[in-house]
């Protein structure tokens, strides 16, 4: 049994267990709206340690070697190929979200890039000013009104929430090119996604290394960055939700804080605020 299939078989039951255990945890709606609900922190930290070990031993050196050996235009082409394969799934998700225009864009990009873009290795759709789009089943659940649930870290996948973890599993099966349970060679979408992630890991190696290996608490830092980024992404069309990302969870009035003066969401929450950043 290959490692990718094992990863899928591991993530699926873990996701189901998290969904079924949701009723036993305190609903996040009863907490501060911008707090991070993490009742599984001990388990999550164990998974985070496993993921960091896999990254240190395998994924980090492989990704650095990949971007060092493969020319940058080819890395971009492989990324384009993986992103193009995700368009059918995004089309389905946009239809489920009641967004036919975006679904049409996803279909149009897939057809155009799959033909004139040489199976998706190139991106003529963007050159023709067809906008790039991005969605997933986690966002579909958000549109349907499902809460994000507790924070979870998935093996070999990384930061997520209960809602997004369900989305990960569902999106594995919404495209016929993504996952074949019988033959590893048929998992075109999975292999393409692995290559895409290797390219991104190699390209942004310094930033990712600073989070995983240089921060005082890599788990807390990864969790904070993921949650801020994901909530911002889902709140982009909702002004009230957008402003709430910057609200003070300890304020009695609940008055939003000016984003210009809000604390840096990417700052290390465990660093010394009085430390001289220029000290040697």
C-alpha atoms as a PDB file:
ATOM      1  CA  UNK A   1       0.000   0.000   0.000  1.00  0.00           C
ATOM      2  CA  UNK A   2       1.561   3.324  -1.095  1.00  0.00           C
ATOM      3  CA  UNK A   3       2.092   6.242   1.266  1.00  0.00           C
ATOM      4  CA  UNK A   4      -0.492   8.498  -0.401  1.00  0.00           C
ATOM      5  CA  UNK A   5      -3.245   5.957  -0.049  1.00  0.00           C
ATOM      6  CA  UNK A   6      -2.256   5.444   3.592  1.00  0.00           C
ATOM      7  CA  UNK A   7      -2.498   9.188   4.135  1.00  0.00           C
ATOM      8  CA  UNK A   8      -6.005   9.262   2.668  1.00  0.00           C
ATOM      9  CA  UNK A   9      -7.107   6.289   4.736  1.00  0.00           C
ATOM     10  CA  UNK A  10      -5.677   7.957   7.844  1.00  0.00           C
ATOM     11  CA  UNK A  11      -7.234  11.378   7.264  1.00  0.00           C
ATOM     12  CA  UNK A  12     -10.713  10.037   6.442  1.00  0.00           C
ATOM     13  CA  UNK A  13     -11.396   8.190   9.732  1.00  0.00           C
ATOM     14  CA  UNK A  14      -9.729  10.973  11.735  1.00  0.00           C
ATOM     15  CA  UNK A  15     -12.059  13.485  10.120  1.00  0.00           C
ATOM     16  CA  UNK A  16     -15.085  11.289  10.818  1.00  0.00           C
ATOM     17  CA  UNK A  17     -14.027  10.923  14.460  1.00  0.00           C
ATOM     18  CA  UNK A  18     -13.689  14.682  14.819  1.00  0.00           C
ATOM     19  CA  UNK A  19     -17.139  15.242  13.334  1.00  0.00           C
ATOM     20  CA  UNK A  20     -18.753  12.665  15.616  1.00  0.00           C
ATOM     21  CA  UNK A  21     -17.000  14.057  18.684  1.00  0.00           C
ATOM     22  CA  UNK A  22     -18.078  17.617  17.955  1.00  0.00           C
ATOM     23  CA  UNK A  23     -21.177  17.426  20.131  1.00  0.00           C
ATOM     24  CA  UNK A  24     -19.006  16.740  23.182  1.00  0.00           C
ATOM     25  CA  UNK A  25     -17.070  20.004  22.889  1.00  0.00           C
ATOM     26  CA  UNK A  26     -18.088  23.527  23.755  1.00  0.00           C
ATOM     27  CA  UNK A  27     -19.530  25.250  20.666  1.00  0.00           C
ATOM     28  CA  UNK A  28     -17.239  28.049  19.434  1.00  0.00           C
ATOM     29  CA  UNK A  29     -20.292  30.324  19.128  1.00  0.00           C
ATOM     30  CA  UNK A  30     -20.320  30.514  22.941  1.00  0.00           C
ATOM     31  CA  UNK A  31     -16.761  31.831  22.984  1.00  0.00           C
ATOM     32  CA  UNK A  32     -15.145  35.017  21.684  1.00  0.00           C
ATOM     33  CA  UNK A  33     -15.754  35.073  17.929  1.00  0.00           C
ATOM     34  CA  UNK A  34     -12.073  35.588  17.101  1.00  0.00           C
ATOM     35  CA  UNK A  35     -10.722  33.077  19.597  1.00  0.00           C
ATOM     36  CA  UNK A  36      -9.191  29.833  18.390  1.00  0.00           C
ATOM     37  CA  UNK A  37     -11.181  26.846  19.657  1.00  0.00           C
ATOM     38  CA  UNK A  38      -8.635  24.089  20.265  1.00  0.00           C
ATOM     39  CA  UNK A  39      -9.983  21.387  22.602  1.00  0.00           C
ATOM     40  CA  UNK A  40      -7.755  18.746  20.964  1.00  0.00           C
ATOM     41  CA  UNK A  41      -4.520  20.644  21.560  1.00  0.00           C
ATOM     42  CA  UNK A  42      -2.616  17.717  23.097  1.00  0.00           C
ATOM     43  CA  UNK A  43      -3.462  15.445  20.156  1.00  0.00           C
ATOM     44  CA  UNK A  44      -2.862  18.261  17.669  1.00  0.00           C
ATOM     45  CA  UNK A  45       0.579  18.944  19.118  1.00  0.00           C
ATOM     46  CA  UNK A  46       1.453  15.265  18.707  1.00  0.00           C
ATOM     47  CA  UNK A  47       0.360  15.359  15.064  1.00  0.00           C
ATOM     48  CA  UNK A  48       2.238  18.626  14.590  1.00  0.00           C
ATOM     49  CA  UNK A  49       5.398  17.015  15.931  1.00  0.00           C
ATOM     50  CA  UNK A  50       4.937  14.121  13.498  1.00  0.00           C
ATOM     51  CA  UNK A  51       4.362  16.503  10.566  1.00  0.00           C
ATOM     52  CA  UNK A  52       7.405  18.565  11.511  1.00  0.00           C
ATOM     53  CA  UNK A  53       9.517  15.412  11.679  1.00  0.00           C
ATOM     54  CA  UNK A  54       8.351  14.335   8.211  1.00  0.00           C
ATOM     55  CA  UNK A  55       9.106  17.819   6.921  1.00  0.00           C
ATOM     56  CA  UNK A  56      12.571  17.903   8.462  1.00  0.00           C
ATOM     57  CA  UNK A  57      13.613  14.443   7.284  1.00  0.00           C
ATOM     58  CA  UNK A  58      11.913  14.225   3.904  1.00  0.00           C
ATOM     59  CA  UNK A  59       9.802  17.071   2.577  1.00  0.00           C
ATOM     60  CA  UNK A  60      12.119  20.014   3.344  1.00  0.00           C
ATOM     61  CA  UNK A  61      15.276  18.545   1.749  1.00  0.00           C
ATOM     62  CA  UNK A  62      13.309  17.074  -1.176  1.00  0.00           C
ATOM     63  CA  UNK A  63      11.615  20.413  -1.863  1.00  0.00           C
ATOM     64  CA  UNK A  64      14.861  22.368  -1.682  1.00  0.00           C
ATOM     65  CA  UNK A  65      16.478  19.893  -4.056  1.00  0.00           C
ATOM     66  CA  UNK A  66      13.497  20.068  -6.385  1.00  0.00           C
ATOM     67  CA  UNK A  67      13.579  23.860  -6.847  1.00  0.00           C
ATOM     68  CA  UNK A  68      17.391  23.828  -7.023  1.00  0.00           C
ATOM     69  CA  UNK A  69      17.507  21.269  -9.837  1.00  0.00           C
ATOM     70  CA  UNK A  70      14.320  21.944 -11.804  1.00  0.00           C
ATOM     71  CA  UNK A  71      14.276  25.267 -13.718  1.00  0.00           C
ATOM     72  CA  UNK A  72      11.846  27.830 -12.333  1.00  0.00           C
ATOM     73  CA  UNK A  73       9.638  27.889 -15.490  1.00  0.00           C
ATOM     74  CA  UNK A  74       9.155  24.124 -15.190  1.00  0.00           C
ATOM     75  CA  UNK A  75       8.247  24.430 -11.505  1.00  0.00           C
ATOM     76  CA  UNK A  76       5.639  27.019 -12.503  1.00  0.00           C
ATOM     77  CA  UNK A  77       4.316  24.726 -15.240  1.00  0.00           C
ATOM     78  CA  UNK A  78       3.927  21.810 -12.822  1.00  0.00           C
ATOM     79  CA  UNK A  79       2.098  24.141 -10.418  1.00  0.00           C
ATOM     80  CA  UNK A  80      -0.190  25.218 -13.262  1.00  0.00           C
ATOM     81  CA  UNK A  81      -0.912  21.553 -14.049  1.00  0.00           C
ATOM     82  CA  UNK A  82      -1.944  20.823 -10.458  1.00  0.00           C
ATOM     83  CA  UNK A  83      -4.070  23.943 -10.180  1.00  0.00           C
ATOM     84  CA  UNK A  84      -5.796  23.144 -13.476  1.00  0.00           C
ATOM     85  CA  UNK A  85      -6.766  19.682 -12.220  1.00  0.00           C
ATOM     86  CA  UNK A  86      -8.541  21.298  -9.277  1.00  0.00           C
ATOM     87  CA  UNK A  87     -10.894  23.295 -11.521  1.00  0.00           C
ATOM     88  CA  UNK A  88     -13.534  20.524 -11.921  1.00  0.00           C
ATOM     89  CA  UNK A  89     -13.824  20.217  -8.142  1.00  0.00           C
ATOM     90  CA  UNK A  90     -14.054  23.994  -7.806  1.00  0.00           C
ATOM     91  CA  UNK A  91     -16.797  24.062 -10.438  1.00  0.00           C
ATOM     92  CA  UNK A  92     -18.813  21.578  -8.364  1.00  0.00           C
ATOM     93  CA  UNK A  93     -18.240  23.577  -5.188  1.00  0.00           C
ATOM     94  CA  UNK A  94     -19.285  26.851  -6.802  1.00  0.00           C
ATOM     95  CA  UNK A  95     -22.485  25.234  -8.064  1.00  0.00           C
ATOM     96  CA  UNK A  96     -23.195  23.972  -4.549  1.00  0.00           C
ATOM     97  CA  UNK A  97     -22.552  27.493  -3.239  1.00  0.00           C
ATOM     98  CA  UNK A  98     -25.095  28.931  -5.689  1.00  0.00           C
ATOM     99  CA  UNK A  99     -22.450  30.784  -7.733  1.00  0.00           C
ATOM    100  CA  UNK A 100     -23.016  29.829 -11.392  1.00  0.00           C
ATOM    101  CA  UNK A 101     -20.767  32.605 -12.719  1.00  0.00           C
ATOM    102  CA  UNK A 102     -17.744  31.339 -10.792  1.00  0.00           C
ATOM    103  CA  UNK A 103     -18.616  27.752 -11.758  1.00  0.00           C
ATOM    104  CA  UNK A 104     -18.551  28.821 -15.407  1.00  0.00           C
ATOM    105  CA  UNK A 105     -15.168  30.475 -14.911  1.00  0.00           C
ATOM    106  CA  UNK A 106     -13.769  27.274 -13.374  1.00  0.00           C
ATOM    107  CA  UNK A 107     -15.085  25.215 -16.287  1.00  0.00           C
ATOM    108  CA  UNK A 108     -13.819  27.734 -18.836  1.00  0.00           C
ATOM    109  CA  UNK A 109     -10.352  27.826 -17.303  1.00  0.00           C
ATOM    110  CA  UNK A 110     -10.193  24.035 -17.232  1.00  0.00           C
ATOM    111  CA  UNK A 111     -11.220  23.637 -20.881  1.00  0.00           C
ATOM    112  CA  UNK A 112      -8.972  26.447 -22.126  1.00  0.00           C
ATOM    113  CA  UNK A 113      -5.873  25.482 -20.159  1.00  0.00           C
ATOM    114  CA  UNK A 114      -6.356  21.761 -20.836  1.00  0.00           C
ATOM    115  CA  UNK A 115      -6.362  22.383 -24.606  1.00  0.00           C
ATOM    116  CA  UNK A 116      -4.436  25.526 -25.526  1.00  0.00           C
ATOM    117  CA  UNK A 117      -2.402  25.277 -22.333  1.00  0.00           C
ATOM    118  CA  UNK A 118      -1.024  21.826 -23.199  1.00  0.00           C
ATOM    119  CA  UNK A 119      -2.849  19.756 -20.567  1.00  0.00           C
ATOM    120  CA  UNK A 120      -2.666  22.633 -18.109  1.00  0.00           C
ATOM    121  CA  UNK A 121       1.100  23.124 -18.089  1.00  0.00           C
ATOM    122  CA  UNK A 122       0.557  26.697 -19.263  1.00  0.00           C
ATOM    123  CA  UNK A 123      -2.057  29.256 -18.237  1.00  0.00           C
ATOM    124  CA  UNK A 124      -3.486  31.004 -21.324  1.00  0.00           C
ATOM    125  CA  UNK A 125      -6.727  31.643 -19.395  1.00  0.00           C
ATOM    126  CA  UNK A 126      -4.993  34.181 -17.166  1.00  0.00           C
ATOM    127  CA  UNK A 127      -3.300  35.764 -20.182  1.00  0.00           C
ATOM    128  CA  UNK A 128      -6.796  36.203 -21.672  1.00  0.00           C
ATOM    129  CA  UNK A 129      -7.871  38.023 -18.470  1.00  0.00           C
ATOM    130  CA  UNK A 130     -10.038  35.168 -17.212  1.00  0.00           C
ATOM    131  CA  UNK A 131      -9.730  35.647 -13.448  1.00  0.00           C
ATOM    132  CA  UNK A 132      -8.097  33.073 -11.218  1.00  0.00           C
ATOM    133  CA  UNK A 133     -10.482  31.637  -8.646  1.00  0.00           C
ATOM    134  CA  UNK A 134     -10.152  29.379  -5.648  1.00  0.00           C
ATOM    135  CA  UNK A 135     -12.624  27.536  -3.453  1.00  0.00           C
ATOM    136  CA  UNK A 136     -13.121  24.177  -1.757  1.00  0.00           C
ATOM    137  CA  UNK A 137     -15.785  22.147  -0.006  1.00  0.00           C
ATOM    138  CA  UNK A 138     -14.819  23.694   3.333  1.00  0.00           C
ATOM    139  CA  UNK A 139     -15.934  27.038   1.914  1.00  0.00           C
ATOM    140  CA  UNK A 140     -19.088  25.370   0.604  1.00  0.00           C
ATOM    141  CA  UNK A 141     -19.910  24.228   4.140  1.00  0.00           C
ATOM    142  CA  UNK A 142     -19.231  27.787   5.342  1.00  0.00           C
ATOM    143  CA  UNK A 143     -21.697  29.153   2.769  1.00  0.00           C
ATOM    144  CA  UNK A 144     -24.248  26.585   3.938  1.00  0.00           C
ATOM    145  CA  UNK A 145     -23.914  27.917   7.481  1.00  0.00           C
ATOM    146  CA  UNK A 146     -21.759  25.256   9.137  1.00  0.00           C
ATOM    147  CA  UNK A 147     -19.470  26.605  11.873  1.00  0.00           C
ATOM    148  CA  UNK A 148     -15.735  26.105  11.596  1.00  0.00           C
ATOM    149  CA  UNK A 149     -15.616  23.851  14.661  1.00  0.00           C
ATOM    150  CA  UNK A 150     -12.448  23.146  16.606  1.00  0.00           C
ATOM    151  CA  UNK A 151      -8.969  23.547  15.209  1.00  0.00           C
ATOM    152  CA  UNK A 152      -7.294  20.312  14.100  1.00  0.00           C
ATOM    153  CA  UNK A 153      -3.965  19.393  12.551  1.00  0.00           C
ATOM    154  CA  UNK A 154      -4.158  16.551  10.048  1.00  0.00           C
ATOM    155  CA  UNK A 155      -1.331  14.027   9.493  1.00  0.00           C
ATOM    156  CA  UNK A 156       0.763  14.877   6.410  1.00  0.00           C
ATOM    157  CA  UNK A 157      -1.681  17.676   5.537  1.00  0.00           C
ATOM    158  CA  UNK A 158      -1.254  20.266   8.265  1.00  0.00           C
ATOM    159  CA  UNK A 159      -3.469  22.911   9.909  1.00  0.00           C
ATOM    160  CA  UNK A 160      -7.223  22.709   9.410  1.00  0.00           C
ATOM    161  CA  UNK A 161     -10.543  22.925  11.242  1.00  0.00           C
ATOM    162  CA  UNK A 162     -13.233  20.297  11.650  1.00  0.00           C
ATOM    163  CA  UNK A 163     -15.211  21.919   8.827  1.00  0.00           C
ATOM    164  CA  UNK A 164     -12.217  22.194   6.512  1.00  0.00           C
ATOM    165  CA  UNK A 165     -11.103  18.649   7.348  1.00  0.00           C
ATOM    166  CA  UNK A 166     -14.452  17.379   6.060  1.00  0.00           C
ATOM    167  CA  UNK A 167     -13.835  19.491   2.971  1.00  0.00           C
ATOM    168  CA  UNK A 168     -10.434  17.880   2.429  1.00  0.00           C
ATOM    169  CA  UNK A 169     -11.954  14.397   2.420  1.00  0.00           C
ATOM    170  CA  UNK A 170     -14.866  15.362   0.154  1.00  0.00           C
ATOM    171  CA  UNK A 171     -12.615  17.113  -2.366  1.00  0.00           C
ATOM    172  CA  UNK A 172     -10.536  13.950  -2.688  1.00  0.00           C
ATOM    173  CA  UNK A 173     -13.471  12.350  -4.476  1.00  0.00           C
ATOM    174  CA  UNK A 174     -15.090  15.222  -6.394  1.00  0.00           C
ATOM    175  CA  UNK A 175     -12.723  14.888  -9.356  1.00  0.00           C
ATOM    176  CA  UNK A 176     -12.150  11.610 -11.232  1.00  0.00           C
ATOM    177  CA  UNK A 177      -8.496  12.598 -11.699  1.00  0.00           C
ATOM    178  CA  UNK A 178      -7.757  13.132  -8.014  1.00  0.00           C
ATOM    179  CA  UNK A 179      -7.931   9.820  -6.217  1.00  0.00           C
ATOM    180  CA  UNK A 180      -8.071   6.200  -7.299  1.00  0.00           C
ATOM    181  CA  UNK A 181      -8.376   3.682  -4.439  1.00  0.00           C
ATOM    182  CA  UNK A 182      -7.024   0.829  -6.566  1.00  0.00           C
ATOM    183  CA  UNK A 183      -3.984   1.981  -8.547  1.00  0.00           C
ATOM    184  CA  UNK A 184      -1.455   4.546  -7.302  1.00  0.00           C
ATOM    185  CA  UNK A 185      -0.542   5.513 -10.867  1.00  0.00           C
ATOM    186  CA  UNK A 186      -4.130   6.707 -11.391  1.00  0.00           C
ATOM    187  CA  UNK A 187      -3.872   9.309  -8.608  1.00  0.00           C
ATOM    188  CA  UNK A 188      -2.914  12.042 -11.072  1.00  0.00           C
ATOM    189  CA  UNK A 189      -4.376  14.854  -9.024  1.00  0.00           C
ATOM    190  CA  UNK A 190      -2.741  13.663  -5.812  1.00  0.00           C
ATOM    191  CA  UNK A 191       0.708  13.352  -7.354  1.00  0.00           C
ATOM    192  CA  UNK A 192       0.308  16.745  -9.024  1.00  0.00           C
ATOM    193  CA  UNK A 193      -0.661  18.296  -5.677  1.00  0.00           C
ATOM    194  CA  UNK A 194       2.392  16.762  -3.996  1.00  0.00           C
ATOM    195  CA  UNK A 195       4.637  18.266  -6.697  1.00  0.00           C
ATOM    196  CA  UNK A 196       2.889  21.642  -6.340  1.00  0.00           C
ATOM    197  CA  UNK A 197       3.405  21.616  -2.579  1.00  0.00           C
ATOM    198  CA  UNK A 198       7.049  20.699  -3.060  1.00  0.00           C
ATOM    199  CA  UNK A 199       7.454  23.687  -5.358  1.00  0.00           C
ATOM    200  CA  UNK A 200       5.835  26.050  -2.875  1.00  0.00           C
ATOM    201  CA  UNK A 201       7.807  24.541   0.037  1.00  0.00           C
ATOM    202  CA  UNK A 202      11.038  25.084  -1.844  1.00  0.00           C
ATOM    203  CA  UNK A 203      10.200  28.574  -3.071  1.00  0.00           C
ATOM    204  CA  UNK A 204       9.130  29.857   0.348  1.00  0.00           C
ATOM    205  CA  UNK A 205      11.584  27.773   2.334  1.00  0.00           C
ATOM    206  CA  UNK A 206      12.970  30.627   4.436  1.00  0.00           C
ATOM    207  CA  UNK A 207       9.527  31.786   5.584  1.00  0.00           C
ATOM    208  CA  UNK A 208       8.290  28.271   6.358  1.00  0.00           C
ATOM    209  CA  UNK A 209      11.525  27.390   8.159  1.00  0.00           C
ATOM    210  CA  UNK A 210      11.170  30.484  10.342  1.00  0.00           C
ATOM    211  CA  UNK A 211       7.704  29.302  11.411  1.00  0.00           C
ATOM    212  CA  UNK A 212       8.527  25.640  11.948  1.00  0.00           C
ATOM    213  CA  UNK A 213      12.064  25.804  13.303  1.00  0.00           C
ATOM    214  CA  UNK A 214      12.776  29.326  14.542  1.00  0.00           C
ATOM    215  CA  UNK A 215       9.607  30.414  16.368  1.00  0.00           C
ATOM    216  CA  UNK A 216       9.290  29.902  20.116  1.00  0.00           C
ATOM    217  CA  UNK A 217       6.221  27.674  19.614  1.00  0.00           C
ATOM    218  CA  UNK A 218       5.847  26.414  16.043  1.00  0.00           C
ATOM    219  CA  UNK A 219       2.486  24.806  16.787  1.00  0.00           C
ATOM    220  CA  UNK A 220       0.937  28.041  18.115  1.00  0.00           C
ATOM    221  CA  UNK A 221       2.489  30.056  15.298  1.00  0.00           C
ATOM    222  CA  UNK A 222       1.209  27.700  12.566  1.00  0.00           C
ATOM    223  CA  UNK A 223      -2.232  27.606  14.156  1.00  0.00           C
ATOM    224  CA  UNK A 224      -2.429  31.405  14.390  1.00  0.00           C
ATOM    225  CA  UNK A 225      -1.323  31.989  10.796  1.00  0.00           C
ATOM    226  CA  UNK A 226      -3.705  29.373   9.396  1.00  0.00           C
ATOM    227  CA  UNK A 227      -6.729  30.594  11.345  1.00  0.00           C
ATOM    228  CA  UNK A 228      -6.141  34.277  10.573  1.00  0.00           C
ATOM    229  CA  UNK A 229      -5.608  33.512   6.884  1.00  0.00           C
ATOM    230  CA  UNK A 230      -8.593  31.173   6.561  1.00  0.00           C
ATOM    231  CA  UNK A 231     -10.991  33.465   8.422  1.00  0.00           C
ATOM    232  CA  UNK A 232      -9.856  36.424   6.323  1.00  0.00           C
ATOM    233  CA  UNK A 233     -10.405  34.375   3.152  1.00  0.00           C
ATOM    234  CA  UNK A 234     -13.928  33.316   4.138  1.00  0.00           C
ATOM    235  CA  UNK A 235     -14.842  36.777   5.438  1.00  0.00           C
ATOM    236  CA  UNK A 236     -13.647  38.652   2.341  1.00  0.00           C
ATOM    237  CA  UNK A 237     -17.226  39.196   1.121  1.00  0.00           C
ATOM    238  CA  UNK A 238     -18.636  39.918   4.576  1.00  0.00           C
ATOM    239  CA  UNK A 239     -17.642  43.337   5.947  1.00  0.00           C
ATOM    240  CA  UNK A 240     -18.914  42.636   9.451  1.00  0.00           C
ATOM    241  CA  UNK A 241     -17.031  39.355   9.643  1.00  0.00           C
ATOM    242  CA  UNK A 242     -13.951  41.029   8.160  1.00  0.00           C
ATOM    243  CA  UNK A 243     -13.900  43.718  10.829  1.00  0.00           C
ATOM    244  CA  UNK A 244     -14.502  41.127  13.543  1.00  0.00           C
ATOM    245  CA  UNK A 245     -11.155  39.547  12.678  1.00  0.00           C
ATOM    246  CA  UNK A 246      -9.555  42.594  14.285  1.00  0.00           C
ATOM    247  CA  UNK A 247     -11.832  42.889  17.307  1.00  0.00           C
ATOM    248  CA  UNK A 248     -10.434  42.682  20.809  1.00  0.00           C
ATOM    249  CA  UNK A 249     -11.716  39.434  22.398  1.00  0.00           C
ATOM    250  CA  UNK A 250     -11.227  40.939  25.868  1.00  0.00           C
ATOM    251  CA  UNK A 251     -13.023  44.226  25.246  1.00  0.00           C
ATOM    252  CA  UNK A 252     -16.378  44.657  27.003  1.00  0.00           C
ATOM    253  CA  UNK A 253     -17.870  46.807  24.243  1.00  0.00           C
ATOM    254  CA  UNK A 254     -16.900  44.600  21.331  1.00  0.00           C
ATOM    255  CA  UNK A 255     -15.963  47.696  19.300  1.00  0.00           C
ATOM    256  CA  UNK A 256     -13.789  46.683  16.328  1.00  0.00           C
ATOM    257  CA  UNK A 257     -10.173  47.761  16.371  1.00  0.00           C
ATOM    258  CA  UNK A 258      -8.750  49.750  13.478  1.00  0.00           C
ATOM    259  CA  UNK A 259      -6.899  47.225  11.258  1.00  0.00           C
ATOM    260  CA  UNK A 260      -4.085  49.749  10.836  1.00  0.00           C
ATOM    261  CA  UNK A 261      -3.351  49.559  14.549  1.00  0.00           C
ATOM    262  CA  UNK A 262      -4.198  45.886  15.085  1.00  0.00           C
ATOM    263  CA  UNK A 263      -1.520  43.503  16.288  1.00  0.00           C
ATOM    264  CA  UNK A 264       0.453  41.730  13.588  1.00  0.00           C
ATOM    265  CA  UNK A 265      -1.323  38.347  13.093  1.00  0.00           C
ATOM    266  CA  UNK A 266       1.948  36.780  11.945  1.00  0.00           C
ATOM    267  CA  UNK A 267       3.974  37.869  14.951  1.00  0.00           C
ATOM    268  CA  UNK A 268       5.263  35.160  17.271  1.00  0.00           C
ATOM    269  CA  UNK A 269       2.752  35.186  20.176  1.00  0.00           C
ATOM    270  CA  UNK A 270       5.429  33.887  22.564  1.00  0.00           C
ATOM    271  CA  UNK A 271       8.177  36.382  21.726  1.00  0.00           C
ATOM    272  CA  UNK A 272       9.327  39.032  24.202  1.00  0.00           C
ATOM    273  CA  UNK A 273       7.525  42.300  23.291  1.00  0.00           C
ATOM    274  CA  UNK A 274      10.249  44.310  25.023  1.00  0.00           C
ATOM    275  CA  UNK A 275      13.177  42.644  23.324  1.00  0.00           C
ATOM    276  CA  UNK A 276      15.287  44.924  21.147  1.00  0.00           C
ATOM    277  CA  UNK A 277      14.850  43.539  17.582  1.00  0.00           C
ATOM    278  CA  UNK A 278      18.208  45.063  16.565  1.00  0.00           C
ATOM    279  CA  UNK A 279      20.161  43.612  19.462  1.00  0.00           C
ATOM    280  CA  UNK A 280      22.878  41.176  18.419  1.00  0.00           C
END
